[in-house]
């Protein structure tokens, strides 16, 4: 089950992850992003991260913490 966050406006967002290969170094890096719909790329909240919310738009973001 993917991590889900409900923002102050009442919208629910689901956390997703994807492994991408960087063009410059060829290194594989995991990126995290939120979506309004549940996808098969859903993941749990990574350790050492917390969810913050943009005060203007209400969009969730991951932050080290």
PDB file of N, CA and C in Angstrom:
ATOM      1  N   UNK A   1       0.837  -1.186   0.000  1.00  0.00           N
ATOM      2  CA  UNK A   1       0.000   0.000   0.000  1.00  0.00           C
ATOM      3  C   UNK A   1       0.880   1.246   0.000  1.00  0.00           C
ATOM      4  N   UNK A   2       0.617   2.155  -0.891  1.00  0.00           N
ATOM      5  CA  UNK A   2       1.408   3.377  -1.012  1.00  0.00           C
ATOM      6  C   UNK A   2       1.073   4.347   0.113  1.00  0.00           C
ATOM      7  N   UNK A   3       2.070   5.140   0.482  1.00  0.00           N
ATOM      8  CA  UNK A   3       1.857   6.185   1.481  1.00  0.00           C
ATOM      9  C   UNK A   3       0.922   7.226   0.879  1.00  0.00           C
ATOM     10  N   UNK A   4      -0.051   7.673   1.670  1.00  0.00           N
ATOM     11  CA  UNK A   4      -0.947   8.715   1.186  1.00  0.00           C
ATOM     12  C   UNK A   4      -0.975   9.873   2.168  1.00  0.00           C
ATOM     13  N   UNK A   5      -1.127  11.068   1.624  1.00  0.00           N
ATOM     14  CA  UNK A   5      -1.128  12.296   2.422  1.00  0.00           C
ATOM     15  C   UNK A   5      -2.342  13.119   2.023  1.00  0.00           C
ATOM     16  N   UNK A   6      -3.109  13.563   3.014  1.00  0.00           N
ATOM     17  CA  UNK A   6      -4.233  14.451   2.755  1.00  0.00           C
ATOM     18  C   UNK A   6      -3.827  15.852   3.181  1.00  0.00           C
ATOM     19  N   UNK A   7      -3.878  16.792   2.248  1.00  0.00           N
ATOM     20  CA  UNK A   7      -3.406  18.146   2.541  1.00  0.00           C
ATOM     21  C   UNK A   7      -4.482  18.963   3.251  1.00  0.00           C
ATOM     22  N   UNK A   8      -4.161  20.214   3.541  1.00  0.00           N
ATOM     23  CA  UNK A   8      -5.071  21.082   4.286  1.00  0.00           C
ATOM     24  C   UNK A   8      -6.335  21.424   3.496  1.00  0.00           C
ATOM     25  N   UNK A   9      -6.301  21.232   2.183  1.00  0.00           N
ATOM     26  CA  UNK A   9      -7.469  21.497   1.343  1.00  0.00           C
ATOM     27  C   UNK A   9      -8.362  20.267   1.195  1.00  0.00           C
ATOM     28  N   UNK A  10      -7.939  19.144   1.773  1.00  0.00           N
ATOM     29  CA  UNK A  10      -8.726  17.920   1.715  1.00  0.00           C
ATOM     30  C   UNK A  10      -8.425  17.023   0.536  1.00  0.00           C
ATOM     31  N   UNK A  11      -7.412  17.345  -0.261  1.00  0.00           N
ATOM     32  CA  UNK A  11      -7.030  16.514  -1.408  1.00  0.00           C
ATOM     33  C   UNK A  11      -6.061  15.424  -0.960  1.00  0.00           C
ATOM     34  N   UNK A  12      -6.238  14.217  -1.487  1.00  0.00           N
ATOM     35  CA  UNK A  12      -5.370  13.095  -1.149  1.00  0.00           C
ATOM     36  C   UNK A  12      -4.347  12.884  -2.257  1.00  0.00           C
ATOM     37  N   UNK A  13      -3.085  12.718  -1.844  1.00  0.00           N
ATOM     38  CA  UNK A  13      -1.980  12.474  -2.770  1.00  0.00           C
ATOM     39  C   UNK A  13      -1.278  11.186  -2.374  1.00  0.00           C
ATOM     40  N   UNK A  14      -0.775  10.440  -3.366  1.00  0.00           N
ATOM     41  CA  UNK A  14      -0.096   9.168  -3.153  1.00  0.00           C
ATOM     42  C   UNK A  14       1.372   9.302  -3.527  1.00  0.00           C
ATOM     43  N   UNK A  15       2.250   8.743  -2.688  1.00  0.00           N
ATOM     44  CA  UNK A  15       3.688   8.812  -2.926  1.00  0.00           C
ATOM     45  C   UNK A  15       4.109   7.700  -3.878  1.00  0.00           C
ATOM     46  N   UNK A  16       4.910   8.054  -4.886  1.00  0.00           N
ATOM     47  CA  UNK A  16       5.423   7.113  -5.881  1.00  0.00           C
ATOM     48  C   UNK A  16       6.934   7.238  -5.963  1.00  0.00           C
ATOM     49  N   UNK A  17       7.578   6.197  -6.468  1.00  0.00           N
ATOM     50  CA  UNK A  17       9.026   6.247  -6.675  1.00  0.00           C
ATOM     51  C   UNK A  17       9.365   5.635  -8.026  1.00  0.00           C
ATOM     52  N   UNK A  18      10.518   6.051  -8.552  1.00  0.00           N
ATOM     53  CA  UNK A  18      10.975   5.539  -9.842  1.00  0.00           C
ATOM     54  C   UNK A  18      12.492   5.608  -9.866  1.00  0.00           C
ATOM     55  N   UNK A  19      13.135   4.563 -10.374  1.00  0.00           N
ATOM     56  CA  UNK A  19      14.586   4.564 -10.544  1.00  0.00           C
ATOM     57  C   UNK A  19      14.911   5.122 -11.924  1.00  0.00           C
ATOM     58  N   UNK A  20      15.748   6.149 -11.954  1.00  0.00           N
ATOM     59  CA  UNK A  20      16.155   6.770 -13.217  1.00  0.00           C
ATOM     60  C   UNK A  20      17.669   6.708 -13.333  1.00  0.00           C
ATOM     61  N   UNK A  21      18.159   6.629 -14.557  1.00  0.00           N
ATOM     62  CA  UNK A  21      19.596   6.632 -14.817  1.00  0.00           C
ATOM     63  C   UNK A  21      20.002   8.032 -15.252  1.00  0.00           C
ATOM     64  N   UNK A  22      20.960   8.611 -14.540  1.00  0.00           N
ATOM     65  CA  UNK A  22      21.438   9.948 -14.869  1.00  0.00           C
ATOM     66  C   UNK A  22      22.292   9.893 -16.132  1.00  0.00           C
ATOM     67  N   UNK A  23      22.035  10.786 -17.065  1.00  0.00           N
ATOM     68  CA  UNK A  23      22.752  10.789 -18.344  1.00  0.00           C
ATOM     69  C   UNK A  23      24.225  11.136 -18.174  1.00  0.00           C
ATOM     70  N   UNK A  24      24.527  12.062 -17.278  1.00  0.00           N
ATOM     71  CA  UNK A  24      25.907  12.541 -17.159  1.00  0.00           C
ATOM     72  C   UNK A  24      26.841  11.514 -16.530  1.00  0.00           C
ATOM     73  N   UNK A  25      26.346  10.759 -15.532  1.00  0.00           N
ATOM     74  CA  UNK A  25      27.223   9.827 -14.821  1.00  0.00           C
ATOM     75  C   UNK A  25      26.843   8.368 -15.008  1.00  0.00           C
ATOM     76  N   UNK A  26      25.636   8.109 -15.466  1.00  0.00           N
ATOM     77  CA  UNK A  26      25.179   6.735 -15.606  1.00  0.00           C
ATOM     78  C   UNK A  26      24.724   6.120 -14.292  1.00  0.00           C
ATOM     79  N   UNK A  27      24.735   6.916 -13.230  1.00  0.00           N
ATOM     80  CA  UNK A  27      24.344   6.436 -11.902  1.00  0.00           C
ATOM     81  C   UNK A  27      22.826   6.306 -11.831  1.00  0.00           C
ATOM     82  N   UNK A  28      22.354   5.273 -11.121  1.00  0.00           N
ATOM     83  CA  UNK A  28      20.922   5.071 -10.930  1.00  0.00           C
ATOM     84  C   UNK A  28      20.509   5.768  -9.641  1.00  0.00           C
ATOM     85  N   UNK A  29      19.458   6.592  -9.734  1.00  0.00           N
ATOM     86  CA  UNK A  29      18.982   7.347  -8.581  1.00  0.00           C
ATOM     87  C   UNK A  29      17.475   7.165  -8.463  1.00  0.00           C
ATOM     88  N   UNK A  30      16.978   7.058  -7.243  1.00  0.00           N
ATOM     89  CA  UNK A  30      15.548   6.928  -7.010  1.00  0.00           C
ATOM     90  C   UNK A  30      14.944   8.313  -6.835  1.00  0.00           C
ATOM     91  N   UNK A  31      13.889   8.591  -7.598  1.00  0.00           N
ATOM     92  CA  UNK A  31      13.172   9.853  -7.434  1.00  0.00           C
ATOM     93  C   UNK A  31      11.806   9.550  -6.825  1.00  0.00           C
ATOM     94  N   UNK A  32      11.298  10.482  -6.045  1.00  0.00           N
ATOM     95  CA  UNK A  32       9.999  10.351  -5.397  1.00  0.00           C
ATOM     96  C   UNK A  32       9.101  11.478  -5.875  1.00  0.00           C
ATOM     97  N   UNK A  33       7.814  11.163  -6.088  1.00  0.00           N
ATOM     98  CA  UNK A  33       6.861  12.172  -6.522  1.00  0.00           C
ATOM     99  C   UNK A  33       5.471  11.798  -6.030  1.00  0.00           C
ATOM    100  N   UNK A  34       4.602  12.800  -5.916  1.00  0.00           N
ATOM    101  CA  UNK A  34       3.227  12.590  -5.481  1.00  0.00           C
ATOM    102  C   UNK A  34       2.294  12.668  -6.676  1.00  0.00           C
ATOM    103  N   UNK A  35       1.221  11.869  -6.633  1.00  0.00           N
ATOM    104  CA  UNK A  35       0.199  11.907  -7.675  1.00  0.00           C
ATOM    105  C   UNK A  35      -1.170  11.895  -7.013  1.00  0.00           C
ATOM    106  N   UNK A  36      -2.173  12.371  -7.744  1.00  0.00           N
ATOM    107  CA  UNK A  36      -3.531  12.395  -7.195  1.00  0.00           C
ATOM    108  C   UNK A  36      -4.201  11.029  -7.278  1.00  0.00           C
ATOM    109  N   UNK A  37      -3.691  10.151  -8.150  1.00  0.00           N
ATOM    110  CA  UNK A  37      -4.269   8.819  -8.288  1.00  0.00           C
ATOM    111  C   UNK A  37      -3.283   7.762  -7.802  1.00  0.00           C
ATOM    112  N   UNK A  38      -3.830   6.634  -7.368  1.00  0.00           N
ATOM    113  CA  UNK A  38      -2.997   5.525  -6.907  1.00  0.00           C
ATOM    114  C   UNK A  38      -2.421   4.805  -8.124  1.00  0.00           C
ATOM    115  N   UNK A  39      -1.103   4.581  -8.115  1.00  0.00           N
ATOM    116  CA  UNK A  39      -0.425   3.942  -9.248  1.00  0.00           C
ATOM    117  C   UNK A  39       0.322   2.701  -8.778  1.00  0.00           C
ATOM    118  N   UNK A  40       0.789   1.901  -9.739  1.00  0.00           N
ATOM    119  CA  UNK A  40       1.545   0.702  -9.376  1.00  0.00           C
ATOM    120  C   UNK A  40       2.975   1.033  -8.964  1.00  0.00           C
ATOM    121  N   UNK A  41       3.387   2.297  -9.054  1.00  0.00           N
ATOM    122  CA  UNK A  41       4.717   2.716  -8.606  1.00  0.00           C
ATOM    123  C   UNK A  41       4.676   3.251  -7.176  1.00  0.00           C
ATOM    124  N   UNK A  42       3.563   3.035  -6.485  1.00  0.00           N
ATOM    125  CA  UNK A  42       3.402   3.523  -5.119  1.00  0.00           C
ATOM    126  C   UNK A  42       4.443   2.938  -4.179  1.00  0.00           C
ATOM    127  N   UNK A  43       4.828   3.714  -3.160  1.00  0.00           N
ATOM    128  CA  UNK A  43       5.835   3.265  -2.205  1.00  0.00           C
ATOM    129  C   UNK A  43       5.528   3.840  -0.829  1.00  0.00           C
ATOM    130  N   UNK A  44       6.228   3.325   0.155  1.00  0.00           N
ATOM    131  CA  UNK A  44       6.104   3.823   1.519  1.00  0.00           C
ATOM    132  C   UNK A  44       7.000   5.044   1.697  1.00  0.00           C
ATOM    133  N   UNK A  45       6.761   5.798   2.753  1.00  0.00           N
ATOM    134  CA  UNK A  45       7.576   6.973   3.068  1.00  0.00           C
ATOM    135  C   UNK A  45       8.983   6.515   3.417  1.00  0.00           C
ATOM    136  N   UNK A  46      10.015   7.016   2.719  1.00  0.00           N
ATOM    137  CA  UNK A  46      11.391   6.599   2.998  1.00  0.00           C
ATOM    138  C   UNK A  46      11.828   7.066   4.386  1.00  0.00           C
ATOM    139  N   UNK A  47      12.692   6.274   5.013  1.00  0.00           N
ATOM    140  CA  UNK A  47      13.189   6.655   6.332  1.00  0.00           C
ATOM    141  C   UNK A  47      14.039   7.911   6.209  1.00  0.00           C
ATOM    142  N   UNK A  48      13.953   8.774   7.195  1.00  0.00           N
ATOM    143  CA  UNK A  48      14.708  10.016   7.183  1.00  0.00           C
ATOM    144  C   UNK A  48      14.058  11.134   6.388  1.00  0.00           C
ATOM    145  N   UNK A  49      12.867  10.907   5.861  1.00  0.00           N
ATOM    146  CA  UNK A  49      12.147  11.929   5.089  1.00  0.00           C
ATOM    147  C   UNK A  49      10.845  12.275   5.806  1.00  0.00           C
ATOM    148  N   UNK A  50      10.358  13.497   5.575  1.00  0.00           N
ATOM    149  CA  UNK A  50       9.054  13.892   6.092  1.00  0.00           C
ATOM    150  C   UNK A  50       8.324  14.665   5.005  1.00  0.00           C
ATOM    151  N   UNK A  51       7.009  14.739   5.131  1.00  0.00           N
ATOM    152  CA  UNK A  51       6.186  15.411   4.136  1.00  0.00           C
ATOM    153  C   UNK A  51       5.896  16.830   4.617  1.00  0.00           C
ATOM    154  N   UNK A  52       6.166  17.798   3.749  1.00  0.00           N
ATOM    155  CA  UNK A  52       5.780  19.177   4.016  1.00  0.00           C
ATOM    156  C   UNK A  52       4.818  19.604   2.918  1.00  0.00           C
ATOM    157  N   UNK A  53       4.139  20.706   3.137  1.00  0.00           N
ATOM    158  CA  UNK A  53       3.129  21.156   2.192  1.00  0.00           C
ATOM    159  C   UNK A  53       3.423  22.588   1.762  1.00  0.00           C
ATOM    160  N   UNK A  54       3.315  22.847   0.468  1.00  0.00           N
ATOM    161  CA  UNK A  54       3.471  24.201  -0.045  1.00  0.00           C
ATOM    162  C   UNK A  54       2.285  25.020   0.456  1.00  0.00           C
ATOM    163  N   UNK A  55       2.553  26.109   1.149  1.00  0.00           N
ATOM    164  CA  UNK A  55       1.478  26.883   1.776  1.00  0.00           C
ATOM    165  C   UNK A  55       0.551  27.550   0.760  1.00  0.00           C
ATOM    166  N   UNK A  56       1.044  27.857  -0.427  1.00  0.00           N
ATOM    167  CA  UNK A  56       0.207  28.517  -1.437  1.00  0.00           C
ATOM    168  C   UNK A  56      -0.636  27.528  -2.229  1.00  0.00           C
ATOM    169  N   UNK A  57      -0.006  26.429  -2.676  1.00  0.00           N
ATOM    170  CA  UNK A  57      -0.695  25.493  -3.572  1.00  0.00           C
ATOM    171  C   UNK A  57      -1.254  24.268  -2.861  1.00  0.00           C
ATOM    172  N   UNK A  58      -0.731  23.945  -1.683  1.00  0.00           N
ATOM    173  CA  UNK A  58      -1.170  22.752  -0.968  1.00  0.00           C
ATOM    174  C   UNK A  58      -0.517  21.479  -1.460  1.00  0.00           C
ATOM    175  N   UNK A  59       0.443  21.579  -2.398  1.00  0.00           N
ATOM    176  CA  UNK A  59       1.096  20.379  -2.925  1.00  0.00           C
ATOM    177  C   UNK A  59       2.078  19.813  -1.904  1.00  0.00           C
ATOM    178  N   UNK A  60       2.064  18.493  -1.704  1.00  0.00           N
ATOM    179  CA  UNK A  60       3.011  17.878  -0.770  1.00  0.00           C
ATOM    180  C   UNK A  60       4.385  17.716  -1.410  1.00  0.00           C
ATOM    181  N   UNK A  61       5.422  17.762  -0.563  1.00  0.00           N
ATOM    182  CA  UNK A  61       6.806  17.583  -1.005  1.00  0.00           C
ATOM    183  C   UNK A  61       7.543  16.799   0.067  1.00  0.00           C
ATOM    184  N   UNK A  62       8.571  16.055  -0.329  1.00  0.00           N
ATOM    185  CA  UNK A  62       9.416  15.342   0.624  1.00  0.00           C
ATOM    186  C   UNK A  62      10.571  16.230   1.037  1.00  0.00           C
ATOM    187  N   UNK A  63      10.935  16.124   2.319  1.00  0.00           N
ATOM    188  CA  UNK A  63      12.042  16.910   2.850  1.00  0.00           C
ATOM    189  C   UNK A  63      12.836  16.022   3.793  1.00  0.00           C
ATOM    190  N   UNK A  64      14.155  16.209   3.816  1.00  0.00           N
ATOM    191  CA  UNK A  64      14.975  15.483   4.784  1.00  0.00           C
ATOM    192  C   UNK A  64      14.588  15.945   6.176  1.00  0.00           C
ATOM    193  N   UNK A  65      14.475  14.978   7.054  1.00  0.00           N
ATOM    194  CA  UNK A  65      14.103  15.405   8.396  1.00  0.00           C
ATOM    195  C   UNK A  65      14.075  14.290   9.303  1.00  0.00           C
TER     196      UNK A  65
END
